[in-house]
Amino acid sequence: MQPLVSFLAQTPAPSEWHSTSLGGALLSTAVFSLAGTVLAIVGYKIFDLCTPGNLHEEIIKNRNVAAAILGAAIILGVCVVVAAAIMG
């Protein structure tokens, strides 16, 4: 029983991917920013493919403000999910 209690009382080891220097932190920030941007664009494109019509064309050619607001909401929603996933 004692080994089990001491095993459960141990604190978990810190994650190995956290940066210990400014350069490492800047690199991690750049990588996560790029990954988040790519995932936001992919999420927007997937939403555009799943809905009838072409949302991008509706925004650019027809200057539809409602479609632009919908597109912005989709991008922001994906960004919130990606940020929550990155933060853990």
C-alpha atoms as a PDB file:
ATOM      1  CA  MET A   1       0.000   0.000   0.000  1.00  0.00           C
ATOM      2  CA  GLN A   2       2.829   2.420   0.822  1.00  0.00           C
ATOM      3  CA  PRO A   3       4.458   2.240  -2.668  1.00  0.00           C
ATOM      4  CA  LEU A   4       1.083   3.003  -4.286  1.00  0.00           C
ATOM      5  CA  VAL A   5       0.541   6.070  -2.085  1.00  0.00           C
ATOM      6  CA  SER A   6       4.053   7.390  -2.760  1.00  0.00           C
ATOM      7  CA  PHE A   7       3.570   6.789  -6.504  1.00  0.00           C
ATOM      8  CA  LEU A   8       0.304   8.728  -6.516  1.00  0.00           C
ATOM      9  CA  ALA A   9       1.806  11.561  -4.449  1.00  0.00           C
ATOM     10  CA  GLN A  10       4.567  12.287  -6.955  1.00  0.00           C
ATOM     11  CA  THR A  11       4.119  15.405  -9.022  1.00  0.00           C
ATOM     12  CA  PRO A  12       4.094  14.898 -12.771  1.00  0.00           C
ATOM     13  CA  ALA A  13       7.202  15.848 -14.674  1.00  0.00           C
ATOM     14  CA  PRO A  14       6.980  19.123 -16.624  1.00  0.00           C
ATOM     15  CA  SER A  15       6.409  18.853 -20.317  1.00  0.00           C
ATOM     16  CA  GLU A  16       9.561  18.566 -22.361  1.00  0.00           C
ATOM     17  CA  TRP A  17       8.510  20.882 -25.178  1.00  0.00           C
ATOM     18  CA  HIS A  18       8.326  24.077 -23.122  1.00  0.00           C
ATOM     19  CA  SER A  19      10.994  26.586 -24.079  1.00  0.00           C
ATOM     20  CA  THR A  20      13.705  27.615 -21.670  1.00  0.00           C
ATOM     21  CA  SER A  21      15.123  30.458 -23.772  1.00  0.00           C
ATOM     22  CA  LEU A  22      13.781  33.495 -25.571  1.00  0.00           C
ATOM     23  CA  GLY A  23      14.737  32.077 -28.973  1.00  0.00           C
ATOM     24  CA  GLY A  24      12.932  28.837 -28.256  1.00  0.00           C
ATOM     25  CA  ALA A  25       9.851  30.712 -27.075  1.00  0.00           C
ATOM     26  CA  LEU A  26       9.833  32.851 -30.229  1.00  0.00           C
ATOM     27  CA  LEU A  27      10.218  29.752 -32.388  1.00  0.00           C
ATOM     28  CA  SER A  28       7.350  28.016 -30.576  1.00  0.00           C
ATOM     29  CA  THR A  29       5.197  31.120 -30.975  1.00  0.00           C
ATOM     30  CA  ALA A  30       5.921  31.274 -34.702  1.00  0.00           C
ATOM     31  CA  VAL A  31       5.185  27.563 -35.192  1.00  0.00           C
ATOM     32  CA  PHE A  32       1.919  27.686 -33.242  1.00  0.00           C
ATOM     33  CA  SER A  33       0.869  30.887 -35.045  1.00  0.00           C
ATOM     34  CA  LEU A  34       1.503  29.295 -38.418  1.00  0.00           C
ATOM     35  CA  ALA A  35      -0.301  26.100 -37.416  1.00  0.00           C
ATOM     36  CA  GLY A  36      -3.279  28.083 -36.091  1.00  0.00           C
ATOM     37  CA  THR A  37      -3.504  30.165 -39.255  1.00  0.00           C
ATOM     38  CA  VAL A  38      -3.351  27.112 -41.499  1.00  0.00           C
ATOM     39  CA  LEU A  39      -6.008  25.320 -39.431  1.00  0.00           C
ATOM     40  CA  ALA A  40      -8.284  28.390 -39.525  1.00  0.00           C
ATOM     41  CA  ILE A  41      -8.020  28.527 -43.322  1.00  0.00           C
ATOM     42  CA  VAL A  42      -8.618  24.776 -43.627  1.00  0.00           C
ATOM     43  CA  GLY A  43     -11.666  25.034 -41.336  1.00  0.00           C
ATOM     44  CA  TYR A  44     -13.081  27.854 -43.459  1.00  0.00           C
ATOM     45  CA  LYS A  45     -12.510  25.880 -46.671  1.00  0.00           C
ATOM     46  CA  ILE A  46     -14.130  22.754 -45.200  1.00  0.00           C
ATOM     47  CA  PHE A  47     -17.152  24.807 -44.144  1.00  0.00           C
ATOM     48  CA  ASP A  48     -17.301  26.330 -47.632  1.00  0.00           C
ATOM     49  CA  LEU A  49     -17.239  22.862 -49.211  1.00  0.00           C
ATOM     50  CA  CYS A  50     -19.996  21.563 -46.896  1.00  0.00           C
ATOM     51  CA  THR A  51     -22.443  24.358 -47.704  1.00  0.00           C
ATOM     52  CA  PRO A  52     -24.219  25.040 -50.994  1.00  0.00           C
ATOM     53  CA  GLY A  53     -22.771  27.774 -53.148  1.00  0.00           C
ATOM     54  CA  ASN A  54     -19.360  29.349 -52.950  1.00  0.00           C
ATOM     55  CA  LEU A  55     -18.985  31.473 -49.814  1.00  0.00           C
ATOM     56  CA  HIS A  56     -15.724  33.054 -50.930  1.00  0.00           C
ATOM     57  CA  GLU A  57     -17.227  34.076 -54.264  1.00  0.00           C
ATOM     58  CA  GLU A  58     -20.309  35.428 -52.514  1.00  0.00           C
ATOM     59  CA  ILE A  59     -18.123  37.608 -50.296  1.00  0.00           C
ATOM     60  CA  ILE A  60     -15.705  38.848 -52.980  1.00  0.00           C
ATOM     61  CA  LYS A  61     -17.815  39.183 -56.129  1.00  0.00           C
ATOM     62  CA  ASN A  62     -21.251  39.946 -54.712  1.00  0.00           C
ATOM     63  CA  ARG A  63     -20.001  41.909 -51.680  1.00  0.00           C
ATOM     64  CA  ASN A  64     -22.486  40.126 -49.432  1.00  0.00           C
ATOM     65  CA  VAL A  65     -21.983  41.480 -45.907  1.00  0.00           C
ATOM     66  CA  ALA A  66     -24.015  38.693 -44.292  1.00  0.00           C
ATOM     67  CA  ALA A  67     -21.811  36.071 -45.953  1.00  0.00           C
ATOM     68  CA  ALA A  68     -18.707  37.950 -44.772  1.00  0.00           C
ATOM     69  CA  ILE A  69     -19.999  37.961 -41.198  1.00  0.00           C
ATOM     70  CA  LEU A  70     -20.699  34.234 -41.446  1.00  0.00           C
ATOM     71  CA  GLY A  71     -17.216  33.589 -42.806  1.00  0.00           C
ATOM     72  CA  ALA A  72     -15.667  35.641 -39.995  1.00  0.00           C
ATOM     73  CA  ALA A  73     -17.686  33.715 -37.411  1.00  0.00           C
ATOM     74  CA  ILE A  74     -16.470  30.404 -38.841  1.00  0.00           C
ATOM     75  CA  ILE A  75     -12.845  31.547 -38.772  1.00  0.00           C
ATOM     76  CA  LEU A  76     -13.145  32.868 -35.203  1.00  0.00           C
ATOM     77  CA  GLY A  77     -14.828  29.647 -34.071  1.00  0.00           C
ATOM     78  CA  VAL A  78     -12.051  27.521 -35.514  1.00  0.00           C
ATOM     79  CA  CYS A  79      -9.457  29.838 -33.937  1.00  0.00           C
ATOM     80  CA  VAL A  80     -11.049  29.423 -30.498  1.00  0.00           C
ATOM     81  CA  VAL A  81     -10.972  25.630 -30.846  1.00  0.00           C
ATOM     82  CA  VAL A  82      -7.350  25.655 -32.045  1.00  0.00           C
ATOM     83  CA  ALA A  83      -6.286  27.987 -29.219  1.00  0.00           C
ATOM     84  CA  ALA A  84      -7.964  25.760 -26.639  1.00  0.00           C
ATOM     85  CA  ALA A  85      -6.242  22.710 -28.114  1.00  0.00           C
ATOM     86  CA  ILE A  86      -2.834  24.400 -28.074  1.00  0.00           C
ATOM     87  CA  MET A  87      -3.215  25.646 -24.511  1.00  0.00           C
ATOM     88  CA  GLY A  88      -4.222  22.185 -23.376  1.00  0.00           C
END
